[in-house]
N, C-alpha and C. Protein backbone atom coordinates (compact mmCIF):
# COMPACT_ATOMS: atom_id res chain seq x y z
N ILE A 1 -10.97 32.68 -14.25
CA ILE A 1 -10.76 32.95 -12.79
C ILE A 1 -11.30 31.80 -11.95
N GLN A 2 -12.48 31.31 -12.37
CA GLN A 2 -13.01 30.20 -11.63
C GLN A 2 -12.10 29.01 -11.60
N ILE A 3 -11.49 28.74 -12.74
CA ILE A 3 -10.62 27.62 -12.85
C ILE A 3 -9.43 27.79 -11.90
N ALA A 4 -8.88 29.00 -11.78
CA ALA A 4 -7.73 29.25 -10.89
C ALA A 4 -8.15 29.05 -9.41
N PHE A 5 -9.35 29.50 -9.10
CA PHE A 5 -9.88 29.29 -7.74
C PHE A 5 -10.02 27.81 -7.41
N ARG A 6 -10.52 27.07 -8.41
CA ARG A 6 -10.70 25.63 -8.22
C ARG A 6 -9.38 24.93 -8.09
N GLU A 7 -8.41 25.34 -8.86
CA GLU A 7 -7.06 24.70 -8.76
C GLU A 7 -6.46 24.98 -7.35
N VAL A 8 -6.57 26.19 -6.93
CA VAL A 8 -6.11 26.53 -5.55
C VAL A 8 -6.79 25.80 -4.53
N SER A 9 -8.11 25.65 -4.63
CA SER A 9 -8.89 25.03 -3.66
C SER A 9 -8.53 23.47 -3.60
N ASP A 10 -8.35 22.92 -4.78
CA ASP A 10 -8.00 21.52 -4.89
C ASP A 10 -6.59 21.23 -4.25
N ALA A 11 -5.66 22.17 -4.50
CA ALA A 11 -4.33 22.05 -3.93
C ALA A 11 -4.32 22.18 -2.46
N LEU A 12 -5.12 23.10 -1.94
CA LEU A 12 -5.17 23.27 -0.54
C LEU A 12 -5.86 22.07 0.20
N ALA A 13 -6.90 21.56 -0.44
CA ALA A 13 -7.57 20.35 0.09
C ALA A 13 -6.63 19.16 0.14
N ARG A 14 -5.92 19.04 -0.93
CA ARG A 14 -4.94 17.90 -1.11
C ARG A 14 -3.84 18.13 -0.04
N ARG A 15 -3.44 19.33 0.20
CA ARG A 15 -2.42 19.65 1.19
C ARG A 15 -2.79 19.14 2.63
N GLY A 16 -4.08 19.44 2.98
CA GLY A 16 -4.59 18.92 4.28
C GLY A 16 -4.50 17.42 4.40
N THR A 17 -4.89 16.75 3.32
CA THR A 17 -4.81 15.28 3.39
C THR A 17 -3.43 14.78 3.48
N ILE A 18 -2.48 15.46 2.72
CA ILE A 18 -1.08 15.05 2.72
C ILE A 18 -0.53 15.25 4.10
N VAL A 19 -0.84 16.38 4.77
CA VAL A 19 -0.28 16.62 6.11
C VAL A 19 -0.73 15.57 7.07
N GLU A 20 -2.00 15.22 7.03
CA GLU A 20 -2.50 14.10 7.90
C GLU A 20 -1.81 12.83 7.61
N GLN A 21 -1.66 12.49 6.34
CA GLN A 21 -1.00 11.26 5.97
C GLN A 21 0.49 11.27 6.40
N ALA A 22 1.16 12.36 6.32
CA ALA A 22 2.55 12.48 6.73
C ALA A 22 2.64 12.30 8.25
N ARG A 23 1.75 12.80 9.03
CA ARG A 23 1.77 12.62 10.43
C ARG A 23 1.56 11.11 10.77
N ALA A 24 0.58 10.52 10.21
CA ALA A 24 0.36 9.08 10.41
C ALA A 24 1.54 8.23 10.05
N THR A 25 2.18 8.56 8.91
CA THR A 25 3.36 7.82 8.42
C THR A 25 4.55 8.04 9.39
N GLU A 26 4.69 9.24 9.91
CA GLU A 26 5.76 9.49 10.91
C GLU A 26 5.52 8.60 12.16
N LEU A 27 4.31 8.54 12.63
CA LEU A 27 3.98 7.70 13.77
C LEU A 27 4.25 6.26 13.47
N LEU A 28 3.86 5.76 12.31
CA LEU A 28 4.08 4.39 11.89
C LEU A 28 5.61 4.12 11.84
N SER A 29 6.40 5.07 11.33
CA SER A 29 7.82 4.79 11.28
C SER A 29 8.43 4.77 12.62
N ALA A 30 7.96 5.64 13.54
CA ALA A 30 8.45 5.66 14.93
C ALA A 30 8.09 4.35 15.60
N ALA A 31 6.92 3.86 15.44
CA ALA A 31 6.50 2.59 16.06
C ALA A 31 7.27 1.42 15.49
N ALA A 32 7.52 1.47 14.14
CA ALA A 32 8.32 0.40 13.57
C ALA A 32 9.77 0.36 14.12
N LEU A 33 10.30 1.56 14.35
CA LEU A 33 11.63 1.69 14.94
C LEU A 33 11.71 1.12 16.33
N ASP A 34 10.67 1.46 17.14
CA ASP A 34 10.61 0.93 18.45
C ASP A 34 10.48 -0.63 18.45
N THR A 35 9.64 -1.15 17.60
CA THR A 35 9.51 -2.58 17.45
C THR A 35 10.79 -3.26 17.06
N PHE A 36 11.53 -2.63 16.13
CA PHE A 36 12.84 -3.19 15.70
C PHE A 36 13.78 -3.22 16.85
N GLN A 37 13.82 -2.12 17.56
CA GLN A 37 14.81 -2.05 18.64
C GLN A 37 14.52 -3.07 19.71
N LEU A 38 13.20 -3.23 20.08
CA LEU A 38 12.83 -4.18 21.07
C LEU A 38 13.10 -5.64 20.60
N THR A 39 12.76 -5.87 19.36
CA THR A 39 12.97 -7.22 18.84
C THR A 39 14.45 -7.55 18.73
N GLU A 40 15.29 -6.55 18.39
CA GLU A 40 16.73 -6.77 18.32
C GLU A 40 17.34 -7.02 19.69
N ALA A 41 16.77 -6.26 20.70
CA ALA A 41 17.24 -6.56 22.06
C ALA A 41 16.83 -7.91 22.60
N ARG A 42 15.61 -8.33 22.23
CA ARG A 42 15.16 -9.72 22.59
C ARG A 42 16.03 -10.75 21.91
N TYR A 43 16.38 -10.53 20.69
CA TYR A 43 17.23 -11.51 19.99
C TYR A 43 18.67 -11.55 20.63
N ARG A 44 19.15 -10.42 20.96
CA ARG A 44 20.52 -10.40 21.53
C ARG A 44 20.52 -11.04 22.90
N GLY A 45 19.33 -10.93 23.61
CA GLY A 45 19.15 -11.55 24.94
C GLY A 45 18.89 -13.01 24.84
N GLY A 46 18.70 -13.57 23.64
CA GLY A 46 18.39 -14.98 23.48
C GLY A 46 16.94 -15.30 23.72
N ILE A 47 16.06 -14.35 23.77
CA ILE A 47 14.63 -14.56 24.00
C ILE A 47 13.88 -14.76 22.70
N ASP A 48 14.30 -14.17 21.61
CA ASP A 48 13.59 -14.19 20.33
C ASP A 48 14.47 -14.74 19.26
N THR A 49 13.83 -15.13 18.13
CA THR A 49 14.57 -15.67 16.99
C THR A 49 15.11 -14.50 16.11
N PHE A 50 16.12 -14.85 15.31
CA PHE A 50 16.68 -13.89 14.36
C PHE A 50 15.68 -13.55 13.25
N LEU A 51 14.79 -14.50 12.93
CA LEU A 51 13.72 -14.24 11.98
C LEU A 51 12.85 -13.11 12.42
N SER A 52 12.48 -13.05 13.69
CA SER A 52 11.64 -11.97 14.21
C SER A 52 12.37 -10.66 14.05
N SER A 53 13.68 -10.61 14.25
CA SER A 53 14.45 -9.45 14.19
C SER A 53 14.45 -8.96 12.68
N LEU A 54 14.66 -9.86 11.82
CA LEU A 54 14.67 -9.56 10.39
C LEU A 54 13.31 -9.08 9.89
N ASP A 55 12.23 -9.68 10.40
CA ASP A 55 10.91 -9.21 10.02
C ASP A 55 10.64 -7.77 10.58
N ALA A 56 11.07 -7.49 11.80
CA ALA A 56 10.90 -6.16 12.30
C ALA A 56 11.73 -5.15 11.52
N GLN A 57 12.93 -5.56 11.07
CA GLN A 57 13.78 -4.67 10.26
C GLN A 57 13.06 -4.42 8.90
N ARG A 58 12.55 -5.45 8.30
CA ARG A 58 11.84 -5.31 7.01
C ARG A 58 10.67 -4.31 7.18
N SER A 59 9.91 -4.46 8.26
CA SER A 59 8.83 -3.51 8.50
C SER A 59 9.33 -2.12 8.70
N LEU A 60 10.39 -1.92 9.39
CA LEU A 60 10.95 -0.62 9.62
C LEU A 60 11.38 0.00 8.28
N TYR A 61 12.07 -0.71 7.46
CA TYR A 61 12.47 -0.18 6.15
C TYR A 61 11.30 0.16 5.29
N SER A 62 10.26 -0.64 5.35
CA SER A 62 9.04 -0.34 4.54
C SER A 62 8.43 0.92 5.10
N ALA A 63 8.32 1.14 6.37
CA ALA A 63 7.75 2.33 6.88
C ALA A 63 8.55 3.52 6.54
N GLN A 64 9.89 3.42 6.61
CA GLN A 64 10.73 4.55 6.27
C GLN A 64 10.53 4.92 4.80
N ARG A 65 10.48 3.89 3.92
CA ARG A 65 10.29 4.13 2.51
C ARG A 65 8.95 4.88 2.20
N THR A 66 7.93 4.45 2.95
CA THR A 66 6.62 5.13 2.78
C THR A 66 6.73 6.63 3.28
N LEU A 67 7.40 6.82 4.33
CA LEU A 67 7.61 8.15 4.84
C LEU A 67 8.32 9.06 3.83
N VAL A 68 9.38 8.51 3.21
CA VAL A 68 10.09 9.29 2.16
C VAL A 68 9.13 9.61 1.02
N GLN A 69 8.33 8.64 0.56
CA GLN A 69 7.42 8.83 -0.52
C GLN A 69 6.36 9.86 -0.13
N THR A 70 5.92 9.86 1.10
CA THR A 70 4.90 10.83 1.58
C THR A 70 5.54 12.25 1.53
N ARG A 71 6.75 12.35 1.99
CA ARG A 71 7.38 13.68 1.97
C ARG A 71 7.65 14.17 0.54
N LEU A 72 7.92 13.27 -0.36
CA LEU A 72 8.07 13.62 -1.81
C LEU A 72 6.75 14.15 -2.34
N ILE A 73 5.68 13.52 -2.00
CA ILE A 73 4.35 13.92 -2.44
C ILE A 73 4.02 15.28 -1.87
N ALA A 74 4.36 15.53 -0.60
CA ALA A 74 4.12 16.85 0.05
C ALA A 74 4.89 17.94 -0.61
N ALA A 75 6.15 17.61 -0.99
CA ALA A 75 6.96 18.63 -1.66
C ALA A 75 6.34 19.01 -3.04
N GLY A 76 5.89 17.98 -3.78
CA GLY A 76 5.27 18.16 -5.05
C GLY A 76 4.01 18.98 -4.91
N ASN A 77 3.21 18.76 -3.87
CA ASN A 77 1.98 19.49 -3.64
C ASN A 77 2.32 20.94 -3.33
N LEU A 78 3.45 21.25 -2.65
CA LEU A 78 3.75 22.62 -2.38
C LEU A 78 4.16 23.36 -3.67
N VAL A 79 4.81 22.62 -4.56
CA VAL A 79 5.09 23.21 -5.87
C VAL A 79 3.86 23.55 -6.68
N THR A 80 2.93 22.57 -6.64
CA THR A 80 1.68 22.76 -7.34
C THR A 80 0.89 23.93 -6.75
N LEU A 81 0.86 24.03 -5.44
CA LEU A 81 0.17 25.16 -4.76
C LEU A 81 0.80 26.44 -5.10
N TYR A 82 2.07 26.47 -5.13
CA TYR A 82 2.88 27.73 -5.45
C TYR A 82 2.55 28.16 -6.81
N ARG A 83 2.50 27.20 -7.80
CA ARG A 83 2.25 27.53 -9.18
C ARG A 83 0.80 28.00 -9.36
N THR A 84 -0.11 27.37 -8.72
CA THR A 84 -1.50 27.81 -8.88
C THR A 84 -1.79 29.15 -8.24
N LEU A 85 -0.95 29.51 -7.32
CA LEU A 85 -1.08 30.85 -6.75
C LEU A 85 -0.37 31.90 -7.52
N GLY A 86 0.22 31.49 -8.63
CA GLY A 86 0.86 32.48 -9.56
C GLY A 86 2.32 32.66 -9.25
N GLY A 87 2.98 31.61 -8.71
CA GLY A 87 4.37 31.74 -8.35
C GLY A 87 5.25 32.00 -9.53
N ASP A 88 6.33 32.76 -9.27
CA ASP A 88 7.26 33.11 -10.35
C ASP A 88 8.21 31.91 -10.46
N GLN A 89 8.42 31.52 -11.75
CA GLN A 89 9.33 30.41 -12.01
C GLN A 89 10.81 30.81 -12.13
N THR A 90 11.08 32.04 -11.88
CA THR A 90 12.44 32.49 -11.93
C THR A 90 13.07 32.70 -10.54
N LEU A 91 12.62 31.83 -9.64
CA LEU A 91 13.05 31.88 -8.22
C LEU A 91 14.04 30.82 -7.92
N ASP A 92 15.04 31.12 -7.09
CA ASP A 92 15.99 30.06 -6.63
C ASP A 92 15.72 29.76 -5.23
N ALA A 93 15.89 28.61 -4.80
CA ALA A 93 15.65 28.09 -3.43
C ALA A 93 16.89 28.34 -2.57
N THR A 94 16.69 28.73 -1.34
CA THR A 94 17.75 28.90 -0.38
C THR A 94 17.26 28.22 0.87
N ASP A 95 18.03 28.24 1.92
CA ASP A 95 17.68 27.69 3.22
C ASP A 95 16.47 28.50 3.81
N ARG A 96 16.36 29.74 3.49
CA ARG A 96 15.28 30.57 4.04
C ARG A 96 14.07 30.68 3.10
N GLY A 97 14.08 29.94 2.00
CA GLY A 97 12.96 29.97 1.11
C GLY A 97 13.43 30.56 -0.29
N PRO A 98 12.48 30.73 -1.16
CA PRO A 98 12.77 31.22 -2.46
C PRO A 98 13.25 32.70 -2.48
N VAL A 99 14.11 33.01 -3.33
CA VAL A 99 14.69 34.37 -3.43
C VAL A 99 14.58 34.72 -4.95
N PRO A 100 13.98 35.94 -5.14
CA PRO A 100 13.87 36.36 -6.61
C PRO A 100 15.27 36.49 -7.23
N ARG A 101 15.34 35.99 -8.42
CA ARG A 101 16.64 36.10 -9.18
C ARG A 101 16.60 37.27 -10.10
N THR A 102 17.65 38.07 -10.07
CA THR A 102 17.82 39.21 -10.94
C THR A 102 19.06 38.89 -11.82
N PRO A 103 19.25 39.69 -12.90
CA PRO A 103 20.38 39.40 -13.74
C PRO A 103 21.73 39.34 -13.04
N ASP A 104 21.88 40.11 -11.95
CA ASP A 104 23.14 40.14 -11.21
C ASP A 104 23.21 39.20 -10.03
N THR A 105 22.10 38.49 -9.77
CA THR A 105 22.08 37.51 -8.64
C THR A 105 22.64 36.14 -9.13
N PRO A 106 23.65 35.61 -8.40
CA PRO A 106 24.23 34.31 -8.87
C PRO A 106 23.20 33.24 -8.61
N ARG A 107 23.21 32.21 -9.48
CA ARG A 107 22.30 31.10 -9.32
C ARG A 107 22.72 30.19 -8.20
N VAL A 108 21.81 29.80 -7.32
CA VAL A 108 22.06 28.94 -6.17
C VAL A 108 21.79 27.51 -6.57
N ASN A 109 22.75 26.61 -6.41
CA ASN A 109 22.60 25.18 -6.67
C ASN A 109 22.78 24.41 -5.33
N PRO A 110 21.63 23.91 -4.81
CA PRO A 110 21.75 23.16 -3.57
C PRO A 110 22.47 21.85 -3.68
């Protein structure tokens, strides 16, 4: 029982860290988008070089990739948390969350 409590505690602690990291990554991605848009406008206006625009675009793509990776980690953490809480592995996902599957319930494939 102590192992189960420790696993749940670890998953919850990790969840808090992941949520903070996701928020920071979202802010970074938004800032990178703003920078790219401003740099692109400056380039089109003849004020800045194309290299600056490309560099801002590279930074934007990097921030977006990091955001996707963070969201993937968050989803994996939710699965871990659900399993440590004794989640049933015979559930199907829907738009409103998991639904128990019975023999007469059709399988949902997203």
